[in-house]
């Protein structure tokens, strides 16, 4: 396999694991923070007022539950599915990586428009690299 293919495979695998685990853990933590009183809550470091610029913020953003569920489903699930595909159906893995990358780009673009922040810029770059790596894997037939 070429250097590009090796990099694409390694990067995609790392991002699938990292984003898959982080999005699931943070999504669950956000949802739990909305439902139960926790010693260390998502509310402690991210006030609900951060969602005020979102459309329908008074409907879907009265707690961290819906944003947490969205994080889990939009960023966590595709990366976890990619990990599973890598093990069970390797030929479908690059397509799952592509889906996860495109969803990450879409997520961060919306977030940057509504809540500009440095972490979203970082994840936008990660999403671009994840998508490019998936395209490279698809072209290489990996």
C-alpha atoms as a PDB file:
ATOM      1  CA  UNK A   1       0.000   0.000   0.000  1.00  0.00           C
ATOM      2  CA  UNK A   2       1.248   3.503  -0.816  1.00  0.00           C
ATOM      3  CA  UNK A   3       2.223   6.094   1.793  1.00  0.00           C
ATOM      4  CA  UNK A   4      -1.023   7.949   1.090  1.00  0.00           C
ATOM      5  CA  UNK A   5      -2.996   4.746   1.599  1.00  0.00           C
ATOM      6  CA  UNK A   6      -1.144   3.932   4.806  1.00  0.00           C
ATOM      7  CA  UNK A   7      -1.727   7.451   6.160  1.00  0.00           C
ATOM      8  CA  UNK A   8      -5.398   7.400   5.122  1.00  0.00           C
ATOM      9  CA  UNK A   9      -5.947   4.024   6.776  1.00  0.00           C
ATOM     10  CA  UNK A  10      -4.161   5.013  10.001  1.00  0.00           C
ATOM     11  CA  UNK A  11      -5.802   8.436  10.226  1.00  0.00           C
ATOM     12  CA  UNK A  12      -9.283   7.073   9.520  1.00  0.00           C
ATOM     13  CA  UNK A  13      -8.897   4.334  12.107  1.00  0.00           C
ATOM     14  CA  UNK A  14      -7.705   6.810  14.751  1.00  0.00           C
ATOM     15  CA  UNK A  15     -10.490   9.308  14.030  1.00  0.00           C
ATOM     16  CA  UNK A  16     -13.153   6.579  14.031  1.00  0.00           C
ATOM     17  CA  UNK A  17     -12.054   5.414  17.467  1.00  0.00           C
ATOM     18  CA  UNK A  18     -11.439   8.865  18.944  1.00  0.00           C
ATOM     19  CA  UNK A  19     -14.582  10.572  17.606  1.00  0.00           C
ATOM     20  CA  UNK A  20     -16.705   7.488  18.115  1.00  0.00           C
ATOM     21  CA  UNK A  21     -15.806   7.189  21.785  1.00  0.00           C
ATOM     22  CA  UNK A  22     -15.690  10.949  22.499  1.00  0.00           C
ATOM     23  CA  UNK A  23     -19.039  11.693  20.832  1.00  0.00           C
ATOM     24  CA  UNK A  24     -20.780   8.820  22.591  1.00  0.00           C
ATOM     25  CA  UNK A  25     -19.313   9.668  26.013  1.00  0.00           C
ATOM     26  CA  UNK A  26     -19.940  13.419  25.675  1.00  0.00           C
ATOM     27  CA  UNK A  27     -23.407  12.892  24.183  1.00  0.00           C
ATOM     28  CA  UNK A  28     -24.426  10.629  27.070  1.00  0.00           C
ATOM     29  CA  UNK A  29     -22.877  13.037  29.580  1.00  0.00           C
ATOM     30  CA  UNK A  30     -24.833  15.932  28.050  1.00  0.00           C
ATOM     31  CA  UNK A  31     -28.104  13.956  28.155  1.00  0.00           C
ATOM     32  CA  UNK A  32     -27.524  12.805  31.731  1.00  0.00           C
ATOM     33  CA  UNK A  33     -26.735  16.381  32.761  1.00  0.00           C
ATOM     34  CA  UNK A  34     -30.187  17.336  31.512  1.00  0.00           C
ATOM     35  CA  UNK A  35     -31.935  14.510  33.353  1.00  0.00           C
ATOM     36  CA  UNK A  36     -30.188  14.099  36.712  1.00  0.00           C
ATOM     37  CA  UNK A  37     -28.236  16.227  39.141  1.00  0.00           C
ATOM     38  CA  UNK A  38     -24.579  15.293  38.718  1.00  0.00           C
ATOM     39  CA  UNK A  39     -21.496  16.347  40.710  1.00  0.00           C
ATOM     40  CA  UNK A  40     -19.780  17.326  37.446  1.00  0.00           C
ATOM     41  CA  UNK A  41     -22.414  18.354  34.957  1.00  0.00           C
ATOM     42  CA  UNK A  42     -22.167  19.580  31.381  1.00  0.00           C
ATOM     43  CA  UNK A  43     -24.005  22.652  32.706  1.00  0.00           C
ATOM     44  CA  UNK A  44     -20.986  23.527  34.872  1.00  0.00           C
ATOM     45  CA  UNK A  45     -18.837  24.528  31.933  1.00  0.00           C
ATOM     46  CA  UNK A  46     -21.277  25.164  29.071  1.00  0.00           C
ATOM     47  CA  UNK A  47     -24.240  27.384  29.925  1.00  0.00           C
ATOM     48  CA  UNK A  48     -27.514  26.883  28.075  1.00  0.00           C
ATOM     49  CA  UNK A  49     -27.313  30.483  26.863  1.00  0.00           C
ATOM     50  CA  UNK A  50     -24.748  29.284  24.305  1.00  0.00           C
ATOM     51  CA  UNK A  51     -27.691  27.908  22.298  1.00  0.00           C
ATOM     52  CA  UNK A  52     -29.585  31.225  22.183  1.00  0.00           C
ATOM     53  CA  UNK A  53     -28.524  31.908  18.592  1.00  0.00           C
ATOM     54  CA  UNK A  54     -29.900  28.576  17.307  1.00  0.00           C
ATOM     55  CA  UNK A  55     -33.292  28.515  15.619  1.00  0.00           C
ATOM     56  CA  UNK A  56     -35.953  27.045  17.920  1.00  0.00           C
ATOM     57  CA  UNK A  57     -33.593  27.384  20.885  1.00  0.00           C
ATOM     58  CA  UNK A  58     -36.567  27.757  23.242  1.00  0.00           C
ATOM     59  CA  UNK A  59     -37.919  24.366  22.076  1.00  0.00           C
ATOM     60  CA  UNK A  60     -34.916  22.072  21.589  1.00  0.00           C
ATOM     61  CA  UNK A  61     -32.265  23.813  23.659  1.00  0.00           C
ATOM     62  CA  UNK A  62     -33.853  24.213  27.077  1.00  0.00           C
ATOM     63  CA  UNK A  63     -31.376  21.593  28.314  1.00  0.00           C
ATOM     64  CA  UNK A  64     -28.364  19.730  26.955  1.00  0.00           C
ATOM     65  CA  UNK A  65     -30.465  16.625  26.235  1.00  0.00           C
ATOM     66  CA  UNK A  66     -31.260  17.229  22.537  1.00  0.00           C
ATOM     67  CA  UNK A  67     -27.799  18.546  21.631  1.00  0.00           C
ATOM     68  CA  UNK A  68     -26.308  15.524  23.429  1.00  0.00           C
ATOM     69  CA  UNK A  69     -28.539  13.128  21.512  1.00  0.00           C
ATOM     70  CA  UNK A  70     -27.647  14.887  18.254  1.00  0.00           C
ATOM     71  CA  UNK A  71     -23.925  14.619  19.060  1.00  0.00           C
ATOM     72  CA  UNK A  72     -24.282  10.918  19.810  1.00  0.00           C
ATOM     73  CA  UNK A  73     -26.284  10.194  16.647  1.00  0.00           C
ATOM     74  CA  UNK A  74     -24.554  12.508  14.160  1.00  0.00           C
ATOM     75  CA  UNK A  75     -20.921  12.095  15.222  1.00  0.00           C
ATOM     76  CA  UNK A  76     -20.802   9.047  17.461  1.00  0.00           C
ATOM     77  CA  UNK A  77     -22.959   6.535  15.580  1.00  0.00           C
ATOM     78  CA  UNK A  78     -21.290   6.833  12.138  1.00  0.00           C
ATOM     79  CA  UNK A  79     -17.815   6.431  13.641  1.00  0.00           C
ATOM     80  CA  UNK A  80     -18.904   3.454  15.753  1.00  0.00           C
ATOM     81  CA  UNK A  81     -20.529   1.971  12.634  1.00  0.00           C
ATOM     82  CA  UNK A  82     -17.240   2.523  10.774  1.00  0.00           C
ATOM     83  CA  UNK A  83     -15.350   0.666  13.513  1.00  0.00           C
ATOM     84  CA  UNK A  84     -17.817  -2.224  13.274  1.00  0.00           C
ATOM     85  CA  UNK A  85     -17.614  -2.227   9.465  1.00  0.00           C
ATOM     86  CA  UNK A  86     -13.823  -2.276   9.632  1.00  0.00           C
ATOM     87  CA  UNK A  87     -14.050  -5.516  11.579  1.00  0.00           C
ATOM     88  CA  UNK A  88     -17.040  -7.233   9.941  1.00  0.00           C
ATOM     89  CA  UNK A  89     -17.305  -5.820   6.402  1.00  0.00           C
ATOM     90  CA  UNK A  90     -13.978  -4.182   5.536  1.00  0.00           C
ATOM     91  CA  UNK A  91     -15.107  -3.339   2.009  1.00  0.00           C
ATOM     92  CA  UNK A  92     -17.793  -0.991   3.397  1.00  0.00           C
ATOM     93  CA  UNK A  93     -15.466   0.690   5.911  1.00  0.00           C
ATOM     94  CA  UNK A  94     -14.267   3.545   3.637  1.00  0.00           C
ATOM     95  CA  UNK A  95     -17.885   4.516   2.878  1.00  0.00           C
ATOM     96  CA  UNK A  96     -18.678   4.691   6.583  1.00  0.00           C
ATOM     97  CA  UNK A  97     -15.559   6.821   7.075  1.00  0.00           C
ATOM     98  CA  UNK A  98     -16.771   9.097   4.277  1.00  0.00           C
ATOM     99  CA  UNK A  99     -20.205   9.450   5.877  1.00  0.00           C
ATOM    100  CA  UNK A 100     -18.661  10.205   9.274  1.00  0.00           C
ATOM    101  CA  UNK A 101     -16.348  12.823   7.739  1.00  0.00           C
ATOM    102  CA  UNK A 102     -19.110  14.561   5.785  1.00  0.00           C
ATOM    103  CA  UNK A 103     -21.364  14.630   8.861  1.00  0.00           C
ATOM    104  CA  UNK A 104     -18.528  16.055  10.961  1.00  0.00           C
ATOM    105  CA  UNK A 105     -17.966  18.797   8.373  1.00  0.00           C
ATOM    106  CA  UNK A 106     -21.685  19.628   8.296  1.00  0.00           C
ATOM    107  CA  UNK A 107     -21.875  19.647  12.108  1.00  0.00           C
ATOM    108  CA  UNK A 108     -18.901  21.964  12.513  1.00  0.00           C
ATOM    109  CA  UNK A 109     -19.981  24.335   9.726  1.00  0.00           C
ATOM    110  CA  UNK A 110     -23.368  24.798  11.420  1.00  0.00           C
ATOM    111  CA  UNK A 111     -21.657  25.207  14.774  1.00  0.00           C
ATOM    112  CA  UNK A 112     -19.218  27.769  13.376  1.00  0.00           C
ATOM    113  CA  UNK A 113     -22.048  29.793  11.855  1.00  0.00           C
ATOM    114  CA  UNK A 114     -24.087  29.783  15.060  1.00  0.00           C
ATOM    115  CA  UNK A 115     -21.446  29.488  17.806  1.00  0.00           C
ATOM    116  CA  UNK A 116     -18.013  30.468  16.438  1.00  0.00           C
ATOM    117  CA  UNK A 117     -15.260  28.804  18.464  1.00  0.00           C
ATOM    118  CA  UNK A 118     -11.744  27.481  18.027  1.00  0.00           C
ATOM    119  CA  UNK A 119     -12.539  23.865  18.829  1.00  0.00           C
ATOM    120  CA  UNK A 120     -15.007  23.740  15.946  1.00  0.00           C
ATOM    121  CA  UNK A 121     -12.326  25.033  13.574  1.00  0.00           C
ATOM    122  CA  UNK A 122     -10.084  22.173  14.710  1.00  0.00           C
ATOM    123  CA  UNK A 123     -12.864  19.617  14.182  1.00  0.00           C
ATOM    124  CA  UNK A 124     -13.672  21.112  10.774  1.00  0.00           C
ATOM    125  CA  UNK A 125     -10.078  20.417   9.744  1.00  0.00           C
ATOM    126  CA  UNK A 126     -10.338  16.896  11.199  1.00  0.00           C
ATOM    127  CA  UNK A 127     -13.556  16.362   9.229  1.00  0.00           C
ATOM    128  CA  UNK A 128     -11.902  17.550   6.019  1.00  0.00           C
ATOM    129  CA  UNK A 129      -8.963  15.178   6.576  1.00  0.00           C
ATOM    130  CA  UNK A 130     -11.324  12.348   7.523  1.00  0.00           C
ATOM    131  CA  UNK A 131     -13.301  12.882   4.321  1.00  0.00           C
ATOM    132  CA  UNK A 132     -10.156  13.154   2.185  1.00  0.00           C
ATOM    133  CA  UNK A 133      -8.757   9.985   3.770  1.00  0.00           C
ATOM    134  CA  UNK A 134     -11.992   8.127   3.043  1.00  0.00           C
ATOM    135  CA  UNK A 135     -11.955   9.293  -0.587  1.00  0.00           C
ATOM    136  CA  UNK A 136      -8.349   8.120  -0.884  1.00  0.00           C
ATOM    137  CA  UNK A 137      -9.262   4.719   0.582  1.00  0.00           C
ATOM    138  CA  UNK A 138     -12.185   4.374  -1.805  1.00  0.00           C
ATOM    139  CA  UNK A 139      -9.990   5.277  -4.809  1.00  0.00           C
ATOM    140  CA  UNK A 140      -7.311   2.842  -3.692  1.00  0.00           C
ATOM    141  CA  UNK A 141      -9.897   0.115  -3.223  1.00  0.00           C
ATOM    142  CA  UNK A 142      -8.849  -0.345   0.387  1.00  0.00           C
END
